[in-house]
PDB file of N, CA and C in Angstrom:
ATOM      1  N   MET A   1     182.675  90.678  14.251  1.00  0.00           N
ATOM      2  CA  MET A   1     182.253  89.593  15.500  1.00  0.00           C
ATOM      3  C   MET A   1     181.331  89.988  16.160  1.00  0.00           C
ATOM      4  N   ASP A   2     180.325  89.430  16.573  1.00  0.00           N
ATOM      5  CA  ASP A   2     179.277  89.632  17.094  1.00  0.00           C
ATOM      6  C   ASP A   2     179.721  90.500  18.399  1.00  0.00           C
ATOM      7  N   THR A   3     178.310  91.307  18.684  1.00  0.00           N
ATOM      8  CA  THR A   3     178.611  91.687  20.130  1.00  0.00           C
ATOM      9  C   THR A   3     178.297  91.640  21.399  1.00  0.00           C
ATOM     10  N   ASP A   4     177.614  89.725  21.499  1.00  0.00           N
ATOM     11  CA  ASP A   4     177.252  89.533  21.928  1.00  0.00           C
ATOM     12  C   ASP A   4     178.608  88.613  22.893  1.00  0.00           C
ATOM     13  N   ASN A   5     178.469  87.958  23.708  1.00  0.00           N
ATOM     14  CA  ASN A   5     179.209  86.990  24.418  1.00  0.00           C
ATOM     15  C   ASN A   5     179.948  85.749  23.937  1.00  0.00           C
ATOM     16  N   SER A   6     179.309  85.670  22.862  1.00  0.00           N
ATOM     17  CA  SER A   6     180.001  84.214  22.111  1.00  0.00           C
ATOM     18  C   SER A   6     180.313  84.632  20.884  1.00  0.00           C
ATOM     19  N   ALA A   7     180.936  85.786  20.985  1.00  0.00           N
ATOM     20  CA  ALA A   7     181.911  86.416  19.194  1.00  0.00           C
ATOM     21  C   ALA A   7     182.710  85.398  18.985  1.00  0.00           C
ATOM     22  N   SER A   8     182.396  84.378  17.048  1.00  0.00           N
ATOM     23  CA  SER A   8     183.187  83.840  17.232  1.00  0.00           C
ATOM     24  C   SER A   8     183.958  84.391  15.749  1.00  0.00           C
ATOM     25  N   GLY A   9     184.780  83.960  14.879  1.00  0.00           N
ATOM     26  CA  GLY A   9     185.009  84.024  13.500  1.00  0.00           C
ATOM     27  C   GLY A   9     185.821  85.332  13.570  1.00  0.00           C
ATOM     28  N   LEU A  10     186.118  85.353  12.546  1.00  0.00           N
ATOM     29  CA  LEU A  10     187.078  86.574  11.862  1.00  0.00           C
ATOM     30  C   LEU A  10     187.119  88.126  12.715  1.00  0.00           C
ATOM     31  N   LEU A  11     187.958  88.281  12.865  1.00  0.00           N
ATOM     32  CA  LEU A  11     187.544  90.289  13.184  1.00  0.00           C
ATOM     33  C   LEU A  11     187.619  91.112  12.535  1.00  0.00           C
ATOM     34  N   LYS A  12     185.979  91.824  11.814  1.00  0.00           N
ATOM     35  CA  LYS A  12     185.718  92.435  11.095  1.00  0.00           C
ATOM     36  C   LYS A  12     185.666  94.031  11.881  1.00  0.00           C
ATOM     37  N   ILE A  13     185.807  95.354  11.885  1.00  0.00           N
ATOM     38  CA  ILE A  13     185.483  96.378  12.295  1.00  0.00           C
ATOM     39  C   ILE A  13     185.307  97.472  11.316  1.00  0.00           C
ATOM     40  N   THR A  14     184.132  97.602  11.585  1.00  0.00           N
ATOM     41  CA  THR A  14     182.703  98.455  10.907  1.00  0.00           C
ATOM     42  C   THR A  14     183.957 100.003  10.438  1.00  0.00           C
ATOM     43  N   LEU A  15     183.630 100.228   9.197  1.00  0.00           N
ATOM     44  CA  LEU A  15     183.912 101.326   8.695  1.00  0.00           C
ATOM     45  C   LEU A  15     182.842 102.391   8.249  1.00  0.00           C
ATOM     46  N   PRO A  16     182.747 103.718   8.689  1.00  0.00           N
ATOM     47  CA  PRO A  16     181.528 104.333   8.125  1.00  0.00           C
ATOM     48  C   PRO A  16     181.089 104.135   6.928  1.00  0.00           C
ATOM     49  N   PHE A  17     182.517 104.675   5.563  1.00  0.00           N
ATOM     50  CA  PHE A  17     181.788 104.400   4.494  1.00  0.00           C
ATOM     51  C   PHE A  17     182.674 103.137   4.035  1.00  0.00           C
ATOM     52  N   ARG A  18     181.137 103.000   2.444  1.00  0.00           N
ATOM     53  CA  ARG A  18     181.710 101.693   1.525  1.00  0.00           C
ATOM     54  C   ARG A  18     183.535 102.063   1.049  1.00  0.00           C
ATOM     55  N   ALA A  19     184.319 101.172   1.384  1.00  0.00           N
ATOM     56  CA  ALA A  19     185.394 101.289  -0.022  1.00  0.00           C
ATOM     57  C   ALA A  19     185.301 101.057  -0.811  1.00  0.00           C
ATOM     58  N   ALA A  20     186.044 101.995  -2.132  1.00  0.00           N
ATOM     59  CA  ALA A  20     185.956 102.070  -2.990  1.00  0.00           C
ATOM     60  C   ALA A  20     185.952 100.530  -3.856  1.00  0.00           C
ATOM     61  N   VAL A  21     185.562 100.435  -4.971  1.00  0.00           N
ATOM     62  CA  VAL A  21     186.079  99.325  -5.990  1.00  0.00           C
ATOM     63  C   VAL A  21     185.984  99.510  -7.366  1.00  0.00           C
ATOM     64  N   GLY A  22     186.857  98.876  -8.035  1.00  0.00           N
ATOM     65  CA  GLY A  22     187.312  99.351  -9.495  1.00  0.00           C
ATOM     66  C   GLY A  22     188.307  99.947 -10.078  1.00  0.00           C
ATOM     67  N   LEU A  23     188.562 101.200  -8.657  1.00  0.00           N
ATOM     68  CA  LEU A  23     189.725 101.863  -9.668  1.00  0.00           C
ATOM     69  C   LEU A  23     191.395 101.229 -10.163  1.00  0.00           C
ATOM     70  N   THR A  24     191.686 102.147 -11.240  1.00  0.00           N
ATOM     71  CA  THR A  24     193.150 101.462 -11.536  1.00  0.00           C
ATOM     72  C   THR A  24     193.917 101.176 -11.335  1.00  0.00           C
ATOM     73  N   GLU A  25     194.621 100.504 -11.283  1.00  0.00           N
ATOM     74  CA  GLU A  25     196.226  99.767 -11.293  1.00  0.00           C
ATOM     75  C   GLU A  25     196.055  99.495  -9.753  1.00  0.00           C
ATOM     76  N   ASN A  26     195.356  98.865  -9.358  1.00  0.00           N
ATOM     77  CA  ASN A  26     194.843  98.540  -7.979  1.00  0.00           C
ATOM     78  C   ASN A  26     194.937  98.919  -6.823  1.00  0.00           C
ATOM     79  N   ALA A  27     194.578 100.724  -7.316  1.00  0.00           N
ATOM     80  CA  ALA A  27     194.354 101.806  -6.117  1.00  0.00           C
ATOM     81  C   ALA A  27     193.133 101.060  -4.756  1.00  0.00           C
ATOM     82  N   ASP A  28     192.424  99.844  -5.196  1.00  0.00           N
ATOM     83  CA  ASP A  28     191.383 100.119  -4.107  1.00  0.00           C
ATOM     84  C   ASP A  28     191.877  98.633  -3.800  1.00  0.00           C
ATOM     85  N   GLN A  29     193.282  98.467  -3.294  1.00  0.00           N
ATOM     86  CA  GLN A  29     193.511  97.304  -2.786  1.00  0.00           C
ATOM     87  C   GLN A  29     194.342  98.434  -1.536  1.00  0.00           C
ATOM     88  N   GLN A  30     193.526  98.704  -0.321  1.00  0.00           N
ATOM     89  CA  GLN A  30     193.571  99.383   0.575  1.00  0.00           C
ATOM     90  C   GLN A  30     194.474  98.723   2.041  1.00  0.00           C
ATOM     91  N   TRP A  31     195.720  99.438   2.002  1.00  0.00           N
ATOM     92  CA  TRP A  31     196.783  98.715   3.582  1.00  0.00           C
ATOM     93  C   TRP A  31     196.433  99.880   4.601  1.00  0.00           C
ATOM     94  N   GLY A  32     196.912  99.149   5.970  1.00  0.00           N
ATOM     95  CA  GLY A  32     197.160 100.192   6.332  1.00  0.00           C
ATOM     96  C   GLY A  32     197.908  99.317   7.910  1.00  0.00           C
ATOM     97  N   SER A  33     198.281 100.579   8.969  1.00  0.00           N
ATOM     98  CA  SER A  33     199.310  99.664  10.142  1.00  0.00           C
ATOM     99  C   SER A  33     198.215  99.140  10.815  1.00  0.00           C
ATOM    100  N   ALA A  34     198.794  98.471  12.125  1.00  0.00           N
ATOM    101  CA  ALA A  34     198.213  97.562  13.389  1.00  0.00           C
ATOM    102  C   ALA A  34     199.148  97.418  14.264  1.00  0.00           C
ATOM    103  N   SER A  35     198.337  97.809  15.743  1.00  0.00           N
ATOM    104  CA  SER A  35     199.112  96.472  16.291  1.00  0.00           C
ATOM    105  C   SER A  35     198.527  96.209  17.004  1.00  0.00           C
ATOM    106  N   VAL A  36     198.452  94.690  17.814  1.00  0.00           N
ATOM    107  CA  VAL A  36     197.246  94.498  18.975  1.00  0.00           C
ATOM    108  C   VAL A  36     198.563  94.546  20.602  1.00  0.00           C
ATOM    109  N   ALA A  37     197.506  94.518  21.888  1.00  0.00           N
ATOM    110  CA  ALA A  37     198.039  94.477  22.465  1.00  0.00           C
ATOM    111  C   ALA A  37     197.133  93.763  23.994  1.00  0.00           C
ATOM    112  N   ASN A  38     197.984  92.777  24.456  1.00  0.00           N
ATOM    113  CA  ASN A  38     196.439  92.112  25.603  1.00  0.00           C
ATOM    114  C   ASN A  38     195.566  91.582  24.705  1.00  0.00           C
ATOM    115  N   GLY A  39     195.973  90.627  23.909  1.00  0.00           N
ATOM    116  CA  GLY A  39     195.287  90.264  23.030  1.00  0.00           C
ATOM    117  C   GLY A  39     194.571  88.000  23.889  1.00  0.00           C
ATOM    118  N   GLY A  40     195.451  87.938  24.761  1.00  0.00           N
ATOM    119  CA  GLY A  40     195.025  87.074  25.308  1.00  0.00           C
ATOM    120  C   GLY A  40     196.105  85.827  24.802  1.00  0.00           C
ATOM    121  N   THR A  41     196.478  85.292  24.345  1.00  0.00           N
ATOM    122  CA  THR A  41     197.487  84.835  23.506  1.00  0.00           C
ATOM    123  C   THR A  41     198.533  85.222  22.675  1.00  0.00           C
ATOM    124  N   THR A  42     199.489  84.266  22.636  1.00  0.00           N
ATOM    125  CA  THR A  42     200.795  84.341  22.570  1.00  0.00           C
ATOM    126  C   THR A  42     200.769  84.071  20.912  1.00  0.00           C
ATOM    127  N   ILE A  43     201.449  85.121  19.849  1.00  0.00           N
ATOM    128  CA  ILE A  43     201.175  85.330  18.312  1.00  0.00           C
ATOM    129  C   ILE A  43     202.833  85.608  17.849  1.00  0.00           C
ATOM    130  N   ASN A  44     203.255  84.900  17.210  1.00  0.00           N
ATOM    131  CA  ASN A  44     205.066  85.125  16.948  1.00  0.00           C
ATOM    132  C   ASN A  44     205.040  85.802  15.781  1.00  0.00           C
ATOM    133  N   ALA A  45     204.591  87.257  15.381  1.00  0.00           N
ATOM    134  CA  ALA A  45     203.700  88.232  14.082  1.00  0.00           C
ATOM    135  C   ALA A  45     205.254  89.181  14.315  1.00  0.00           C
ATOM    136  N   VAL A  46     205.852  88.980  12.506  1.00  0.00           N
ATOM    137  CA  VAL A  46     206.711  89.836  12.538  1.00  0.00           C
ATOM    138  C   VAL A  46     206.131  90.645  12.044  1.00  0.00           C
ATOM    139  N   VAL A  47     205.010  90.815  11.688  1.00  0.00           N
ATOM    140  CA  VAL A  47     204.490  92.323  10.965  1.00  0.00           C
ATOM    141  C   VAL A  47     202.877  92.208  11.273  1.00  0.00           C
ATOM    142  N   SER A  48     202.201  93.193  11.732  1.00  0.00           N
ATOM    143  CA  SER A  48     200.992  93.552  11.975  1.00  0.00           C
ATOM    144  C   SER A  48     200.231  94.752  10.688  1.00  0.00           C
ATOM    145  N   GLY A  49     199.110  94.584  10.659  1.00  0.00           N
ATOM    146  CA  GLY A  49     198.500  95.546   9.716  1.00  0.00           C
ATOM    147  C   GLY A  49     197.264  95.066   9.429  1.00  0.00           C
ATOM    148  N   VAL A  50     196.189  96.659   8.617  1.00  0.00           N
ATOM    149  CA  VAL A  50     195.042  96.324   8.352  1.00  0.00           C
ATOM    150  C   VAL A  50     194.999  96.026   6.804  1.00  0.00           C
ATOM    151  N   TYR A  51     193.527  95.411   6.394  1.00  0.00           N
ATOM    152  CA  TYR A  51     193.695  95.342   5.204  1.00  0.00           C
ATOM    153  C   TYR A  51     192.260  95.553   4.826  1.00  0.00           C
ATOM    154  N   ILE A  52     191.391  96.644   3.881  1.00  0.00           N
ATOM    155  CA  ILE A  52     190.264  96.842   3.739  1.00  0.00           C
ATOM    156  C   ILE A  52     189.705  96.276   2.158  1.00  0.00           C
ATOM    157  N   PRO A  53     189.210  95.225   2.346  1.00  0.00           N
ATOM    158  CA  PRO A  53     188.288  94.683   0.823  1.00  0.00           C
ATOM    159  C   PRO A  53     187.676  95.442   0.261  1.00  0.00           C
ATOM    160  N   GLU A  54     188.004  95.766  -1.028  1.00  0.00           N
ATOM    161  CA  GLU A  54     187.003  96.727  -1.676  1.00  0.00           C
ATOM    162  C   GLU A  54     185.512  96.328  -2.072  1.00  0.00           C
ATOM    163  N   ASN A  55     184.667  97.376  -1.968  1.00  0.00           N
ATOM    164  CA  ASN A  55     183.450  97.579  -1.696  1.00  0.00           C
ATOM    165  C   ASN A  55     182.890  96.992  -0.720  1.00  0.00           C
ATOM    166  N   GLN A  56     183.786  96.687   0.357  1.00  0.00           N
ATOM    167  CA  GLN A  56     183.289  96.685   2.055  1.00  0.00           C
ATOM    168  C   GLN A  56     182.981  97.479   2.800  1.00  0.00           C
ATOM    169  N   THR A  57     182.755  97.138   3.575  1.00  0.00           N
ATOM    170  CA  THR A  57     182.389  98.816   4.952  1.00  0.00           C
ATOM    171  C   THR A  57     182.872  97.988   6.484  1.00  0.00           C
ATOM    172  N   HIS A  58     183.739  97.282   6.735  1.00  0.00           N
ATOM    173  CA  HIS A  58     184.598  96.567   7.086  1.00  0.00           C
ATOM    174  C   HIS A  58     186.110  96.351   6.996  1.00  0.00           C
ATOM    175  N   PHE A  59     187.135  96.081   8.161  1.00  0.00           N
ATOM    176  CA  PHE A  59     188.519  96.102   8.095  1.00  0.00           C
ATOM    177  C   PHE A  59     188.813  94.951   8.888  1.00  0.00           C
ATOM    178  N   HIS A  60     189.746  94.466   8.369  1.00  0.00           N
ATOM    179  CA  HIS A  60     190.763  93.436   8.911  1.00  0.00           C
ATOM    180  C   HIS A  60     191.415  93.450   9.517  1.00  0.00           C
ATOM    181  N   ILE A  61     192.012  93.096  10.675  1.00  0.00           N
ATOM    182  CA  ILE A  61     193.340  92.773  11.329  1.00  0.00           C
ATOM    183  C   ILE A  61     194.274  91.546  11.165  1.00  0.00           C
ATOM    184  N   TYR A  62     195.419  91.840  10.345  1.00  0.00           N
ATOM    185  CA  TYR A  62     196.425  90.312  10.172  1.00  0.00           C
ATOM    186  C   TYR A  62     197.237  90.551  10.938  1.00  0.00           C
ATOM    187  N   HIS A  63     198.042  89.537  10.785  1.00  0.00           N
ATOM    188  CA  HIS A  63     198.923  89.702  11.223  1.00  0.00           C
ATOM    189  C   HIS A  63     200.176  88.272  10.185  1.00  0.00           C
ATOM    190  N   ILE A  64     201.857  89.046  10.141  1.00  0.00           N
ATOM    191  CA  ILE A  64     202.663  88.116   9.125  1.00  0.00           C
ATOM    192  C   ILE A  64     203.286  86.810  10.675  1.00  0.00           C
ATOM    193  N   THR A  65     203.125  85.934  10.215  1.00  0.00           N
ATOM    194  CA  THR A  65     204.163  84.939  11.246  1.00  0.00           C
ATOM    195  C   THR A  65     205.450  84.438  10.452  1.00  0.00           C
ATOM    196  N   ASP A  66     206.187  84.231  11.638  1.00  0.00           N
ATOM    197  CA  ASP A  66     208.051  83.591  11.142  1.00  0.00           C
ATOM    198  C   ASP A  66     207.888  83.005  10.069  1.00  0.00           C
ATOM    199  N   ALA A  67     206.740  82.371   9.987  1.00  0.00           N
ATOM    200  CA  ALA A  67     206.864  81.621   8.704  1.00  0.00           C
ATOM    201  C   ALA A  67     206.731  82.184   7.410  1.00  0.00           C
ATOM    202  N   GLY A  68     206.050  83.519   7.545  1.00  0.00           N
ATOM    203  CA  GLY A  68     205.762  84.431   6.455  1.00  0.00           C
ATOM    204  C   GLY A  68     203.780  84.206   6.024  1.00  0.00           C
ATOM    205  N   THR A  69     203.394  83.351   6.660  1.00  0.00           N
ATOM    206  CA  THR A  69     202.045  83.210   6.557  1.00  0.00           C
ATOM    207  C   THR A  69     201.291  84.594   7.179  1.00  0.00           C
ATOM    208  N   PHE A  70     199.951  84.813   6.524  1.00  0.00           N
ATOM    209  CA  PHE A  70     199.185  86.232   6.107  1.00  0.00           C
ATOM    210  C   PHE A  70     198.054  85.324   6.846  1.00  0.00           C
ATOM    211  N   VAL A  71     197.795  85.999   8.319  1.00  0.00           N
ATOM    212  CA  VAL A  71     196.895  85.324   9.004  1.00  0.00           C
ATOM    213  C   VAL A  71     195.920  86.357   9.360  1.00  0.00           C
ATOM    214  N   TYR A  72     194.216  86.145   9.512  1.00  0.00           N
ATOM    215  CA  TYR A  72     193.218  87.544  10.150  1.00  0.00           C
ATOM    216  C   TYR A  72     193.609  87.501  11.775  1.00  0.00           C
ATOM    217  N   TYR A  73     192.852  88.198  12.386  1.00  0.00           N
ATOM    218  CA  TYR A  73     192.964  87.956  13.727  1.00  0.00           C
ATOM    219  C   TYR A  73     191.343  87.157  13.707  1.00  0.00           C
ATOM    220  N   SER A  74     191.400  86.566  14.631  1.00  0.00           N
ATOM    221  CA  SER A  74     189.582  85.829  14.774  1.00  0.00           C
ATOM    222  C   SER A  74     189.951  85.588  16.354  1.00  0.00           C
ATOM    223  N   ASP A  75     188.907  85.398  16.714  1.00  0.00           N
ATOM    224  CA  ASP A  75     188.404  84.622  18.425  1.00  0.00           C
ATOM    225  C   ASP A  75     189.176  84.178  19.053  1.00  0.00           C
ATOM    226  N   SER A  76     189.853  83.110  18.424  1.00  0.00           N
ATOM    227  CA  SER A  76     191.056  82.326  18.859  1.00  0.00           C
ATOM    228  C   SER A  76     192.366  83.119  19.441  1.00  0.00           C
ATOM    229  N   ASN A  77     192.248  84.289  18.189  1.00  0.00           N
ATOM    230  CA  ASN A  77     193.676  84.716  19.318  1.00  0.00           C
ATOM    231  C   ASN A  77     193.565  85.755  20.255  1.00  0.00           C
ATOM    232  N   LEU A  78     191.987  86.588  19.951  1.00  0.00           N
ATOM    233  CA  LEU A  78     191.608  87.693  21.500  1.00  0.00           C
ATOM    234  C   LEU A  78     190.749  87.328  22.239  1.00  0.00           C
ATOM    235  N   ASP A  79     191.212  87.566  23.391  1.00  0.00           N
ATOM    236  CA  ASP A  79     190.065  87.915  24.571  1.00  0.00           C
ATOM    237  C   ASP A  79     189.372  88.561  25.082  1.00  0.00           C
ATOM    238  N   ASP A  80     188.308  89.108  25.963  1.00  0.00           N
ATOM    239  CA  ASP A  80     187.939  90.128  25.940  1.00  0.00           C
ATOM    240  C   ASP A  80     188.436  91.072  26.685  1.00  0.00           C
ATOM    241  N   ASN A  81     189.696  91.582  26.384  1.00  0.00           N
ATOM    242  CA  ASN A  81     190.568  92.867  26.893  1.00  0.00           C
ATOM    243  C   ASN A  81     191.548  93.227  25.841  1.00  0.00           C
ATOM    244  N   TRP A  82     190.943  93.340  24.402  1.00  0.00           N
ATOM    245  CA  TRP A  82     192.272  93.678  23.602  1.00  0.00           C
ATOM    246  C   TRP A  82     192.265  94.679  23.691  1.00  0.00           C
ATOM    247  N   ILE A  83     193.443  95.462  22.861  1.00  0.00           N
ATOM    248  CA  ILE A  83     193.588  96.523  22.365  1.00  0.00           C
ATOM    249  C   ILE A  83     194.347  96.776  21.160  1.00  0.00           C
ATOM    250  N   ALA A  84     193.815  97.448  20.076  1.00  0.00           N
ATOM    251  CA  ALA A  84     194.048  97.602  18.666  1.00  0.00           C
ATOM    252  C   ALA A  84     194.215  99.289  18.638  1.00  0.00           C
ATOM    253  N   ARG A  85     195.494  99.022  17.830  1.00  0.00           N
ATOM    254  CA  ARG A  85     195.830 100.374  17.375  1.00  0.00           C
ATOM    255  C   ARG A  85     196.018 100.560  15.953  1.00  0.00           C
ATOM    256  N   VAL A  86     194.909 101.154  15.376  1.00  0.00           N
ATOM    257  CA  VAL A  86     195.011 101.261  13.701  1.00  0.00           C
ATOM    258  C   VAL A  86     195.939 102.634  13.023  1.00  0.00           C
ATOM    259  N   GLY A  87     196.153 102.808  11.806  1.00  0.00           N
ATOM    260  CA  GLY A  87     196.044 103.891  11.031  1.00  0.00           C
ATOM    261  C   GLY A  87     196.076 103.239   9.732  1.00  0.00           C
ATOM    262  N   PHE A  88     195.007 103.988   9.386  1.00  0.00           N
ATOM    263  CA  PHE A  88     194.719 103.960   7.290  1.00  0.00           C
ATOM    264  C   PHE A  88     194.057 105.546   7.039  1.00  0.00           C
ATOM    265  N   THR A  89     194.441 105.321   5.946  1.00  0.00           N
ATOM    266  CA  THR A  89     193.302 106.519   4.976  1.00  0.00           C
ATOM    267  C   THR A  89     193.282 105.320   3.554  1.00  0.00           C
ATOM    268  N   TYR A  90     191.229 105.485   3.388  1.00  0.00           N
ATOM    269  CA  TYR A  90     191.173 104.522   2.660  1.00  0.00           C
ATOM    270  C   TYR A  90     190.245 105.671   1.002  1.00  0.00           C
ATOM    271  N   ARG A  91     189.764 104.919   0.559  1.00  0.00           N
ATOM    272  CA  ARG A  91     188.974 105.908  -0.628  1.00  0.00           C
ATOM    273  C   ARG A  91     187.764 105.229  -1.101  1.00  0.00           C
ATOM    274  N   THR A  92     186.786 105.767  -1.497  1.00  0.00           N
ATOM    275  CA  THR A  92     185.701 105.299  -1.317  1.00  0.00           C
ATOM    276  C   THR A  92     184.993 106.232  -2.630  1.00  0.00           C
ATOM    277  N   ASP A  93     184.385 105.248  -2.975  1.00  0.00           N
ATOM    278  CA  ASP A  93     183.388 105.767  -4.670  1.00  0.00           C
ATOM    279  C   ASP A  93     182.546 107.192  -4.326  1.00  0.00           C
ATOM    280  N   ALA A  94     182.515 107.642  -3.312  1.00  0.00           N
ATOM    281  CA  ALA A  94     181.567 108.723  -3.413  1.00  0.00           C
ATOM    282  C   ALA A  94     182.117 110.333  -3.527  1.00  0.00           C
TER     283      ALA A  94
END
């Protein structure tokens, strides 16, 4: 999201290092845990988590709906006073 008042789109949070790419046995598919509070909307989420795309310097927070749909958080799910708690370890190429 942008840092201005008109942020829009998928929530992307910057990482300090680029995530690994091309590791064997899907080791570059990296996931973590997350919870979001005070988002400003009601989300019927069974599970929330973090996804780190390979070869990227950001991560996404997602939730899985009651129907089993995988959805990334975006500006439509969050207001200007939300809290995220995340936990993960990720691999880099360095």
